[in-house]
PDB file of N, CA and C in Angstrom:
ATOM      1  N   UNK A   1      12.828   7.959   3.690  1.00  0.00           N
ATOM      2  CA  UNK A   1      11.526   7.685   4.340  1.00  0.00           C
ATOM      3  C   UNK A   1      11.483   6.678   4.717  1.00  0.00           C
ATOM      4  N   UNK A   2      10.865   6.078   6.080  1.00  0.00           N
ATOM      5  CA  UNK A   2      10.571   4.541   6.405  1.00  0.00           C
ATOM      6  C   UNK A   2       8.712   4.421   6.025  1.00  0.00           C
ATOM      7  N   UNK A   3       8.828   3.383   4.972  1.00  0.00           N
ATOM      8  CA  UNK A   3       7.402   2.778   4.491  1.00  0.00           C
ATOM      9  C   UNK A   3       6.807   1.440   4.845  1.00  0.00           C
ATOM     10  N   UNK A   4       7.979   1.119   5.839  1.00  0.00           N
ATOM     11  CA  UNK A   4       7.622  -0.101   7.115  1.00  0.00           C
ATOM     12  C   UNK A   4       6.333  -0.007   7.856  1.00  0.00           C
ATOM     13  N   UNK A   5       5.586   1.307   7.698  1.00  0.00           N
ATOM     14  CA  UNK A   5       4.459   1.358   8.810  1.00  0.00           C
ATOM     15  C   UNK A   5       3.335   1.253   7.952  1.00  0.00           C
ATOM     16  N   UNK A   6       2.628   1.384   8.509  1.00  0.00           N
ATOM     17  CA  UNK A   6       0.768   1.363   8.476  1.00  0.00           C
ATOM     18  C   UNK A   6       0.658   2.750   8.026  1.00  0.00           C
ATOM     19  N   UNK A   7      -0.205   3.197   6.973  1.00  0.00           N
ATOM     20  CA  UNK A   7      -0.348   4.838   7.086  1.00  0.00           C
ATOM     21  C   UNK A   7      -1.207   5.131   8.478  1.00  0.00           C
ATOM     22  N   UNK A   8      -1.974   4.697   8.916  1.00  0.00           N
ATOM     23  CA  UNK A   8      -1.938   5.400   9.989  1.00  0.00           C
ATOM     24  C   UNK A   8      -0.808   5.797  11.506  1.00  0.00           C
ATOM     25  N   UNK A   9       0.086   5.011  11.163  1.00  0.00           N
ATOM     26  CA  UNK A   9       1.151   4.733  11.692  1.00  0.00           C
ATOM     27  C   UNK A   9       2.149   5.717  11.590  1.00  0.00           C
ATOM     28  N   UNK A  10       2.183   6.154  10.369  1.00  0.00           N
ATOM     29  CA  UNK A  10       3.229   6.974   9.524  1.00  0.00           C
ATOM     30  C   UNK A  10       3.119   8.607  10.658  1.00  0.00           C
ATOM     31  N   UNK A  11       4.267   9.105  10.731  1.00  0.00           N
ATOM     32  CA  UNK A  11       4.548  10.185  11.639  1.00  0.00           C
ATOM     33  C   UNK A  11       3.571  11.314  10.040  1.00  0.00           C
ATOM     34  N   UNK A  12       3.702  12.676  10.811  1.00  0.00           N
ATOM     35  CA  UNK A  12       2.975  13.212   9.853  1.00  0.00           C
ATOM     36  C   UNK A  12       4.003  14.227   8.646  1.00  0.00           C
ATOM     37  N   UNK A  13       5.265  13.734   8.932  1.00  0.00           N
ATOM     38  CA  UNK A  13       6.125  14.429   8.054  1.00  0.00           C
ATOM     39  C   UNK A  13       5.918  13.317   7.096  1.00  0.00           C
ATOM     40  N   UNK A  14       5.986  12.536   7.440  1.00  0.00           N
ATOM     41  CA  UNK A  14       5.834  10.879   6.487  1.00  0.00           C
ATOM     42  C   UNK A  14       4.571  10.887   5.472  1.00  0.00           C
ATOM     43  N   UNK A  15       3.449  11.432   6.237  1.00  0.00           N
ATOM     44  CA  UNK A  15       1.987  11.667   5.912  1.00  0.00           C
ATOM     45  C   UNK A  15       2.077  12.549   4.958  1.00  0.00           C
ATOM     46  N   UNK A  16       2.916  13.365   4.895  1.00  0.00           N
ATOM     47  CA  UNK A  16       2.659  14.829   3.741  1.00  0.00           C
ATOM     48  C   UNK A  16       4.193  14.257   2.794  1.00  0.00           C
ATOM     49  N   UNK A  17       4.738  13.936   3.051  1.00  0.00           N
ATOM     50  CA  UNK A  17       6.104  13.517   2.016  1.00  0.00           C
ATOM     51  C   UNK A  17       5.613  12.061   1.551  1.00  0.00           C
ATOM     52  N   UNK A  18       4.427  11.109   1.381  1.00  0.00           N
ATOM     53  CA  UNK A  18       3.656  10.328   0.887  1.00  0.00           C
ATOM     54  C   UNK A  18       2.543  11.102   0.138  1.00  0.00           C
ATOM     55  N   UNK A  19       1.813  12.084   0.441  1.00  0.00           N
ATOM     56  CA  UNK A  19       1.011  12.872  -0.302  1.00  0.00           C
ATOM     57  C   UNK A  19       1.640  13.406  -1.416  1.00  0.00           C
ATOM     58  N   UNK A  20       2.921  14.183  -1.084  1.00  0.00           N
ATOM     59  CA  UNK A  20       3.642  15.204  -2.090  1.00  0.00           C
ATOM     60  C   UNK A  20       4.351  13.566  -3.334  1.00  0.00           C
ATOM     61  N   UNK A  21       4.545  12.513  -3.038  1.00  0.00           N
ATOM     62  CA  UNK A  21       4.491  11.486  -3.550  1.00  0.00           C
ATOM     63  C   UNK A  21       3.887  11.382  -4.962  1.00  0.00           C
ATOM     64  N   UNK A  22       2.320  10.964  -3.892  1.00  0.00           N
ATOM     65  CA  UNK A  22       1.502  10.517  -4.871  1.00  0.00           C
ATOM     66  C   UNK A  22       0.975  11.635  -5.570  1.00  0.00           C
ATOM     67  N   UNK A  23       1.308  12.670  -5.697  1.00  0.00           N
ATOM     68  CA  UNK A  23       0.550  14.067  -6.209  1.00  0.00           C
ATOM     69  C   UNK A  23       2.136  14.085  -7.239  1.00  0.00           C
ATOM     70  N   UNK A  24       2.975  13.943  -6.719  1.00  0.00           N
ATOM     71  CA  UNK A  24       4.022  14.395  -8.054  1.00  0.00           C
ATOM     72  C   UNK A  24       4.029  13.097  -8.945  1.00  0.00           C
ATOM     73  N   UNK A  25       4.159  12.516  -8.237  1.00  0.00           N
ATOM     74  CA  UNK A  25       4.742  10.722  -9.746  1.00  0.00           C
ATOM     75  C   UNK A  25       3.546   9.606  -9.179  1.00  0.00           C
ATOM     76  N   UNK A  26       2.407   9.714  -9.675  1.00  0.00           N
ATOM     77  CA  UNK A  26       0.956   9.024  -9.675  1.00  0.00           C
ATOM     78  C   UNK A  26       1.045   7.223  -9.954  1.00  0.00           C
ATOM     79  N   UNK A  27       3.016   7.145 -10.731  1.00  0.00           N
ATOM     80  CA  UNK A  27       3.037   5.768 -11.194  1.00  0.00           C
ATOM     81  C   UNK A  27       3.421   5.117  -9.746  1.00  0.00           C
ATOM     82  N   UNK A  28       4.111   5.967  -8.867  1.00  0.00           N
ATOM     83  CA  UNK A  28       5.204   5.411  -8.050  1.00  0.00           C
ATOM     84  C   UNK A  28       4.239   5.499  -6.687  1.00  0.00           C
ATOM     85  N   UNK A  29       3.192   5.987  -6.721  1.00  0.00           N
ATOM     86  CA  UNK A  29       2.064   6.286  -5.835  1.00  0.00           C
ATOM     87  C   UNK A  29       1.099   5.082  -6.220  1.00  0.00           C
ATOM     88  N   UNK A  30       0.972   5.153  -7.300  1.00  0.00           N
ATOM     89  CA  UNK A  30       0.200   3.238  -7.557  1.00  0.00           C
ATOM     90  C   UNK A  30       1.089   2.295  -6.902  1.00  0.00           C
ATOM     91  N   UNK A  31       2.099   2.108  -7.369  1.00  0.00           N
ATOM     92  CA  UNK A  31       2.657   1.662  -7.171  1.00  0.00           C
ATOM     93  C   UNK A  31       2.973   0.794  -5.492  1.00  0.00           C
ATOM     94  N   UNK A  32       3.241   2.196  -4.939  1.00  0.00           N
ATOM     95  CA  UNK A  32       3.310   1.989  -3.386  1.00  0.00           C
ATOM     96  C   UNK A  32       2.402   1.639  -2.725  1.00  0.00           C
ATOM     97  N   UNK A  33       0.657   1.829  -2.777  1.00  0.00           N
ATOM     98  CA  UNK A  33      -0.613   1.627  -2.861  1.00  0.00           C
ATOM     99  C   UNK A  33      -0.950  -0.067  -3.355  1.00  0.00           C
ATOM    100  N   UNK A  34      -0.512  -0.856  -4.695  1.00  0.00           N
ATOM    101  CA  UNK A  34      -0.091  -1.414  -4.882  1.00  0.00           C
ATOM    102  C   UNK A  34       0.561  -2.220  -3.730  1.00  0.00           C
ATOM    103  N   UNK A  35       1.306  -2.271  -3.141  1.00  0.00           N
ATOM    104  CA  UNK A  35       2.720  -3.163  -2.502  1.00  0.00           C
ATOM    105  C   UNK A  35       1.547  -3.470  -0.757  1.00  0.00           C
ATOM    106  N   UNK A  36       1.334  -2.177  -0.924  1.00  0.00           N
ATOM    107  CA  UNK A  36       0.652  -2.045   0.899  1.00  0.00           C
ATOM    108  C   UNK A  36      -0.522  -3.143   0.319  1.00  0.00           C
ATOM    109  N   UNK A  37      -1.789  -2.912  -0.453  1.00  0.00           N
ATOM    110  CA  UNK A  37      -2.443  -3.845  -0.738  1.00  0.00           C
ATOM    111  C   UNK A  37      -1.650  -5.537  -0.529  1.00  0.00           C
ATOM    112  N   UNK A  38      -0.996  -5.918  -1.532  1.00  0.00           N
ATOM    113  CA  UNK A  38      -0.452  -6.852  -1.569  1.00  0.00           C
ATOM    114  C   UNK A  38       0.079  -7.158   0.056  1.00  0.00           C
ATOM    115  N   UNK A  39       0.420  -6.522   1.062  1.00  0.00           N
ATOM    116  CA  UNK A  39       1.129  -6.875   2.288  1.00  0.00           C
ATOM    117  C   UNK A  39      -0.519  -7.426   2.871  1.00  0.00           C
ATOM    118  N   UNK A  40      -1.201  -6.853   2.816  1.00  0.00           N
ATOM    119  CA  UNK A  40      -2.665  -7.180   2.894  1.00  0.00           C
ATOM    120  C   UNK A  40      -2.937  -8.852   3.212  1.00  0.00           C
ATOM    121  N   UNK A  41      -2.697  -9.119   1.428  1.00  0.00           N
ATOM    122  CA  UNK A  41      -3.451 -10.523   1.110  1.00  0.00           C
ATOM    123  C   UNK A  41      -2.700 -11.137   1.796  1.00  0.00           C
ATOM    124  N   UNK A  42      -1.411 -11.358   1.966  1.00  0.00           N
ATOM    125  CA  UNK A  42      -0.493 -12.325   2.763  1.00  0.00           C
ATOM    126  C   UNK A  42      -0.708 -12.945   4.256  1.00  0.00           C
ATOM    127  N   UNK A  43      -1.607 -11.399   4.838  1.00  0.00           N
ATOM    128  CA  UNK A  43      -1.963 -11.769   6.265  1.00  0.00           C
ATOM    129  C   UNK A  43      -3.273 -12.374   6.292  1.00  0.00           C
ATOM    130  N   UNK A  44      -4.152 -12.602   4.878  1.00  0.00           N
ATOM    131  CA  UNK A  44      -5.663 -13.387   4.864  1.00  0.00           C
ATOM    132  C   UNK A  44      -5.336 -14.717   5.157  1.00  0.00           C
ATOM    133  N   UNK A  45      -6.495 -15.090   5.745  1.00  0.00           N
ATOM    134  CA  UNK A  45      -6.609 -16.990   5.757  1.00  0.00           C
ATOM    135  C   UNK A  45      -6.159 -17.270   3.872  1.00  0.00           C
ATOM    136  N   UNK A  46      -6.365 -17.871   4.229  1.00  0.00           N
ATOM    137  CA  UNK A  46      -5.831 -18.856   2.930  1.00  0.00           C
ATOM    138  C   UNK A  46      -7.119 -19.150   2.097  1.00  0.00           C
ATOM    139  N   UNK A  47      -8.055 -19.147   2.627  1.00  0.00           N
ATOM    140  CA  UNK A  47      -9.691 -19.094   1.804  1.00  0.00           C
ATOM    141  C   UNK A  47      -9.954 -18.032   1.256  1.00  0.00           C
ATOM    142  N   UNK A  48      -9.276 -16.888   1.900  1.00  0.00           N
ATOM    143  CA  UNK A  48      -9.696 -15.074   1.484  1.00  0.00           C
ATOM    144  C   UNK A  48      -8.640 -15.086   0.497  1.00  0.00           C
ATOM    145  N   UNK A  49      -7.233 -15.479   0.393  1.00  0.00           N
ATOM    146  CA  UNK A  49      -6.505 -14.801  -0.119  1.00  0.00           C
ATOM    147  C   UNK A  49      -6.705 -14.611  -1.650  1.00  0.00           C
ATOM    148  N   UNK A  50      -7.121 -16.172  -2.300  1.00  0.00           N
ATOM    149  CA  UNK A  50      -7.097 -16.697  -3.245  1.00  0.00           C
ATOM    150  C   UNK A  50      -8.294 -15.458  -4.502  1.00  0.00           C
ATOM    151  N   UNK A  51      -9.184 -15.074  -3.512  1.00  0.00           N
ATOM    152  CA  UNK A  51     -10.061 -14.531  -4.332  1.00  0.00           C
ATOM    153  C   UNK A  51      -9.521 -12.720  -4.545  1.00  0.00           C
ATOM    154  N   UNK A  52      -9.021 -12.686  -2.993  1.00  0.00           N
ATOM    155  CA  UNK A  52      -8.115 -11.458  -3.037  1.00  0.00           C
ATOM    156  C   UNK A  52      -7.119 -10.543  -4.183  1.00  0.00           C
ATOM    157  N   UNK A  53      -6.356 -12.195  -4.208  1.00  0.00           N
ATOM    158  CA  UNK A  53      -5.652 -12.254  -5.224  1.00  0.00           C
ATOM    159  C   UNK A  53      -5.619 -11.505  -6.270  1.00  0.00           C
ATOM    160  N   UNK A  54      -6.999 -12.733  -6.821  1.00  0.00           N
ATOM    161  CA  UNK A  54      -7.362 -12.198  -7.969  1.00  0.00           C
ATOM    162  C   UNK A  54      -7.885 -10.846  -8.200  1.00  0.00           C
ATOM    163  N   UNK A  55      -8.454 -10.678  -6.930  1.00  0.00           N
ATOM    164  CA  UNK A  55      -9.287  -9.206  -7.365  1.00  0.00           C
ATOM    165  C   UNK A  55      -8.184  -8.019  -7.791  1.00  0.00           C
ATOM    166  N   UNK A  56      -6.336  -8.210  -6.795  1.00  0.00           N
ATOM    167  CA  UNK A  56      -5.066  -6.864  -6.327  1.00  0.00           C
ATOM    168  C   UNK A  56      -4.869  -7.406  -8.261  1.00  0.00           C
ATOM    169  N   UNK A  57      -4.407  -8.727  -9.169  1.00  0.00           N
ATOM    170  CA  UNK A  57      -4.261  -8.570  -9.926  1.00  0.00           C
ATOM    171  C   UNK A  57      -4.510  -7.865 -11.024  1.00  0.00           C
ATOM    172  N   UNK A  58      -6.580  -7.958 -10.539  1.00  0.00           N
ATOM    173  CA  UNK A  58      -7.153  -6.914 -11.790  1.00  0.00           C
ATOM    174  C   UNK A  58      -7.392  -5.972 -11.756  1.00  0.00           C
TER     175      UNK A  58
END
């Protein structure tokens, strides 16, 4: 499964697999969503990134 895509760009098969992973292993699912959130923070302007990172860490 390739996770280098945004969720909206996943194929139907990848969406089903991701849903199965989240349901089967909630810890792994949470890790996936935390990683995705961190990627969003890196794309933010510097003045917004600090606050977003603090929220992400919390």
